[in-house]
Amino acid sequence: MITTPEHNARMAQIKFSKVYPLYLNKILKKGRNKDELNQVIHWLTGFDDKIIESLIAEDVLFETFFERATLNPKANLITGVICGYRIEDIDNSLTKKVRYLDKLVDELAKGKKMEKILRS
């Protein structure tokens, strides 16, 4: 999928500190917990709880968030549709990474087993 430059620019400017509470609320409503959310973020990015908290406090943009991340080599196994986009067809690297995270959070909220979410 070819995304527009405007769409990609918007994705880069989203603050992780604004999205994290939305992710957390989504999974809490479905009976999951903060530790599981952080485990998913850690798997994708390499960030531990302390780094996640510092990135929230620093108010980093998704662009900075993913620049600092060490993406899991199995991230390319994250496929499917999220927010109307087929992940494997997204051409912009940052937008694809954001959608990877969205998809993992969505799978967590849908009650998937952690082994499947983490592509084990």
C-alpha atoms as a PDB file:
ATOM      1  CA  MET A   1       0.000   0.000   0.000  1.00  0.00           C
ATOM      2  CA  ILE A   2       1.295   3.395  -0.893  1.00  0.00           C
ATOM      3  CA  THR A   3       0.546   5.888   1.851  1.00  0.00           C
ATOM      4  CA  THR A   4       0.541   9.604   1.209  1.00  0.00           C
ATOM      5  CA  PRO A   5       3.389  11.831   2.384  1.00  0.00           C
ATOM      6  CA  GLU A   6       0.866  13.686   4.551  1.00  0.00           C
ATOM      7  CA  HIS A   7      -0.252  10.457   6.222  1.00  0.00           C
ATOM      8  CA  ASN A   8       3.341   9.423   6.895  1.00  0.00           C
ATOM      9  CA  ALA A   9       4.171  12.875   8.296  1.00  0.00           C
ATOM     10  CA  ARG A  10       1.186  12.641  10.661  1.00  0.00           C
ATOM     11  CA  MET A  11       2.348   9.222  11.853  1.00  0.00           C
ATOM     12  CA  ALA A  12       5.824  10.595  12.597  1.00  0.00           C
ATOM     13  CA  GLN A  13       4.398  13.458  14.660  1.00  0.00           C
ATOM     14  CA  ILE A  14       2.195  11.368  16.962  1.00  0.00           C
ATOM     15  CA  LYS A  15       3.437  11.450  20.539  1.00  0.00           C
ATOM     16  CA  PHE A  16       4.020   8.067  22.129  1.00  0.00           C
ATOM     17  CA  SER A  17       2.931   9.556  25.477  1.00  0.00           C
ATOM     18  CA  LYS A  18      -0.518  10.265  24.001  1.00  0.00           C
ATOM     19  CA  VAL A  19      -0.949   6.814  22.446  1.00  0.00           C
ATOM     20  CA  TYR A  20       0.370   4.666  25.302  1.00  0.00           C
ATOM     21  CA  PRO A  21      -2.591   5.430  27.627  1.00  0.00           C
ATOM     22  CA  LEU A  22      -4.972   4.605  24.762  1.00  0.00           C
ATOM     23  CA  TYR A  23      -3.239   1.262  24.251  1.00  0.00           C
ATOM     24  CA  LEU A  24      -3.369   0.636  27.992  1.00  0.00           C
ATOM     25  CA  ASN A  25      -7.076   1.469  28.290  1.00  0.00           C
ATOM     26  CA  LYS A  26      -7.867  -0.763  25.316  1.00  0.00           C
ATOM     27  CA  ILE A  27      -6.167  -3.819  26.778  1.00  0.00           C
ATOM     28  CA  LEU A  28      -7.335  -3.210  30.371  1.00  0.00           C
ATOM     29  CA  LYS A  29     -10.967  -3.245  29.174  1.00  0.00           C
ATOM     30  CA  LYS A  30     -10.309  -6.687  27.736  1.00  0.00           C
ATOM     31  CA  GLY A  31      -8.824  -8.133  30.936  1.00  0.00           C
ATOM     32  CA  ARG A  32      -5.147  -7.768  30.021  1.00  0.00           C
ATOM     33  CA  ASN A  33      -2.614  -5.788  32.072  1.00  0.00           C
ATOM     34  CA  LYS A  34       0.141  -3.196  31.813  1.00  0.00           C
ATOM     35  CA  ASP A  35       2.895  -5.792  32.183  1.00  0.00           C
ATOM     36  CA  GLU A  36       1.576  -7.618  29.121  1.00  0.00           C
ATOM     37  CA  LEU A  37       1.439  -4.374  27.138  1.00  0.00           C
ATOM     38  CA  ASN A  38       5.017  -3.560  28.114  1.00  0.00           C
ATOM     39  CA  GLN A  39       6.069  -7.112  27.225  1.00  0.00           C
ATOM     40  CA  VAL A  40       4.661  -6.638  23.718  1.00  0.00           C
ATOM     41  CA  ILE A  41       6.405  -3.259  23.356  1.00  0.00           C
ATOM     42  CA  HIS A  42       9.639  -4.787  24.656  1.00  0.00           C
ATOM     43  CA  TRP A  43       9.425  -7.639  22.150  1.00  0.00           C
ATOM     44  CA  LEU A  44       8.940  -5.252  19.218  1.00  0.00           C
ATOM     45  CA  THR A  45      11.348  -2.474  20.230  1.00  0.00           C
ATOM     46  CA  GLY A  46      13.750  -3.807  22.852  1.00  0.00           C
ATOM     47  CA  PHE A  47      12.582  -1.146  25.339  1.00  0.00           C
ATOM     48  CA  ASP A  48      12.235  -2.307  28.947  1.00  0.00           C
ATOM     49  CA  ASP A  49       9.757  -0.822  31.453  1.00  0.00           C
ATOM     50  CA  LYS A  50      12.210   1.866  32.575  1.00  0.00           C
ATOM     51  CA  ILE A  51      12.889   3.040  29.024  1.00  0.00           C
ATOM     52  CA  ILE A  52       9.178   3.001  28.163  1.00  0.00           C
ATOM     53  CA  GLU A  53       8.480   5.246  31.162  1.00  0.00           C
ATOM     54  CA  SER A  54      11.330   7.603  30.220  1.00  0.00           C
ATOM     55  CA  LEU A  55      10.080   7.853  26.623  1.00  0.00           C
ATOM     56  CA  ILE A  56       6.638   8.746  27.946  1.00  0.00           C
ATOM     57  CA  ALA A  57       8.116  11.357  30.291  1.00  0.00           C
ATOM     58  CA  GLU A  58      10.277  12.726  27.476  1.00  0.00           C
ATOM     59  CA  ASP A  59       7.141  13.095  25.318  1.00  0.00           C
ATOM     60  CA  VAL A  60       8.860  11.615  22.247  1.00  0.00           C
ATOM     61  CA  LEU A  61       7.271  11.452  18.823  1.00  0.00           C
ATOM     62  CA  PHE A  62       6.774   8.079  17.135  1.00  0.00           C
ATOM     63  CA  GLU A  63       9.553   9.087  14.762  1.00  0.00           C
ATOM     64  CA  THR A  64      12.025   9.352  17.669  1.00  0.00           C
ATOM     65  CA  PHE A  65      10.529   6.325  19.422  1.00  0.00           C
ATOM     66  CA  PHE A  66      11.242   4.051  16.474  1.00  0.00           C
ATOM     67  CA  GLU A  67      14.607   5.668  15.670  1.00  0.00           C
ATOM     68  CA  ARG A  68      15.751   4.604  19.141  1.00  0.00           C
ATOM     69  CA  ALA A  69      14.199   1.143  18.917  1.00  0.00           C
ATOM     70  CA  THR A  70      15.927  -2.055  17.893  1.00  0.00           C
ATOM     71  CA  LEU A  71      13.163  -3.719  15.936  1.00  0.00           C
ATOM     72  CA  ASN A  72      12.703  -7.425  16.582  1.00  0.00           C
ATOM     73  CA  PRO A  73      13.951  -9.484  13.617  1.00  0.00           C
ATOM     74  CA  LYS A  74      10.629 -11.372  13.642  1.00  0.00           C
ATOM     75  CA  ALA A  75       8.588  -8.158  13.255  1.00  0.00           C
ATOM     76  CA  ASN A  76       8.107  -8.940   9.563  1.00  0.00           C
ATOM     77  CA  LEU A  77       5.945 -11.887  10.684  1.00  0.00           C
ATOM     78  CA  ILE A  78       3.320  -9.368  11.837  1.00  0.00           C
ATOM     79  CA  THR A  79       0.796  -9.383   9.022  1.00  0.00           C
ATOM     80  CA  GLY A  80      -2.847  -8.658   8.463  1.00  0.00           C
ATOM     81  CA  VAL A  81      -5.059  -5.613   8.390  1.00  0.00           C
ATOM     82  CA  ILE A  82      -5.008  -2.869  11.002  1.00  0.00           C
ATOM     83  CA  CYS A  83      -6.788   0.483  10.708  1.00  0.00           C
ATOM     84  CA  GLY A  84      -7.734  -0.410   7.132  1.00  0.00           C
ATOM     85  CA  TYR A  85      -4.152  -1.038   6.019  1.00  0.00           C
ATOM     86  CA  ARG A  86      -2.612  -4.391   5.090  1.00  0.00           C
ATOM     87  CA  ILE A  87       0.622  -4.184   7.083  1.00  0.00           C
ATOM     88  CA  GLU A  88       2.773  -6.159   4.683  1.00  0.00           C
ATOM     89  CA  ASP A  89       1.847  -3.755   1.849  1.00  0.00           C
ATOM     90  CA  ILE A  90       2.763  -0.501   3.644  1.00  0.00           C
ATOM     91  CA  ASP A  91       5.690   1.109   1.834  1.00  0.00           C
ATOM     92  CA  ASN A  92       6.785   3.663   4.444  1.00  0.00           C
ATOM     93  CA  SER A  93       9.090   2.154   7.081  1.00  0.00           C
ATOM     94  CA  LEU A  94       7.922   4.293  10.014  1.00  0.00           C
ATOM     95  CA  THR A  95       4.239   3.862   9.206  1.00  0.00           C
ATOM     96  CA  LYS A  96       4.789   0.095   8.974  1.00  0.00           C
ATOM     97  CA  LYS A  97       6.473   0.051  12.406  1.00  0.00           C
ATOM     98  CA  VAL A  98       3.624   2.028  13.976  1.00  0.00           C
ATOM     99  CA  ARG A  99       1.128  -0.410  12.452  1.00  0.00           C
ATOM    100  CA  TYR A 100       3.177  -3.340  13.783  1.00  0.00           C
ATOM    101  CA  LEU A 101       2.717  -1.910  17.270  1.00  0.00           C
ATOM    102  CA  ASP A 102      -0.980  -1.237  16.668  1.00  0.00           C
ATOM    103  CA  LYS A 103      -1.477  -4.817  15.479  1.00  0.00           C
ATOM    104  CA  LEU A 104       0.304  -6.314  18.498  1.00  0.00           C
ATOM    105  CA  VAL A 105      -1.827  -4.242  20.877  1.00  0.00           C
ATOM    106  CA  ASP A 106      -4.939  -5.252  18.960  1.00  0.00           C
ATOM    107  CA  GLU A 107      -4.009  -8.939  19.233  1.00  0.00           C
ATOM    108  CA  LEU A 108      -3.401  -8.500  22.959  1.00  0.00           C
ATOM    109  CA  ALA A 109      -6.826  -6.882  23.375  1.00  0.00           C
ATOM    110  CA  LYS A 110      -8.458  -9.674  21.383  1.00  0.00           C
ATOM    111  CA  GLY A 111      -7.177 -12.215  23.895  1.00  0.00           C
ATOM    112  CA  LYS A 112      -4.563 -13.957  21.784  1.00  0.00           C
ATOM    113  CA  LYS A 113      -2.028 -16.014  23.687  1.00  0.00           C
ATOM    114  CA  MET A 114       1.258 -14.232  24.312  1.00  0.00           C
ATOM    115  CA  GLU A 115       3.213 -16.946  22.454  1.00  0.00           C
ATOM    116  CA  LYS A 116       1.258 -16.192  19.275  1.00  0.00           C
ATOM    117  CA  ILE A 117       1.508 -12.414  19.708  1.00  0.00           C
ATOM    118  CA  LEU A 118       5.265 -12.652  20.160  1.00  0.00           C
ATOM    119  CA  ARG A 119       5.571 -14.935  17.125  1.00  0.00           C
ATOM    120  CA  SER A 120       7.196 -17.693  19.211  1.00  0.00           C
END
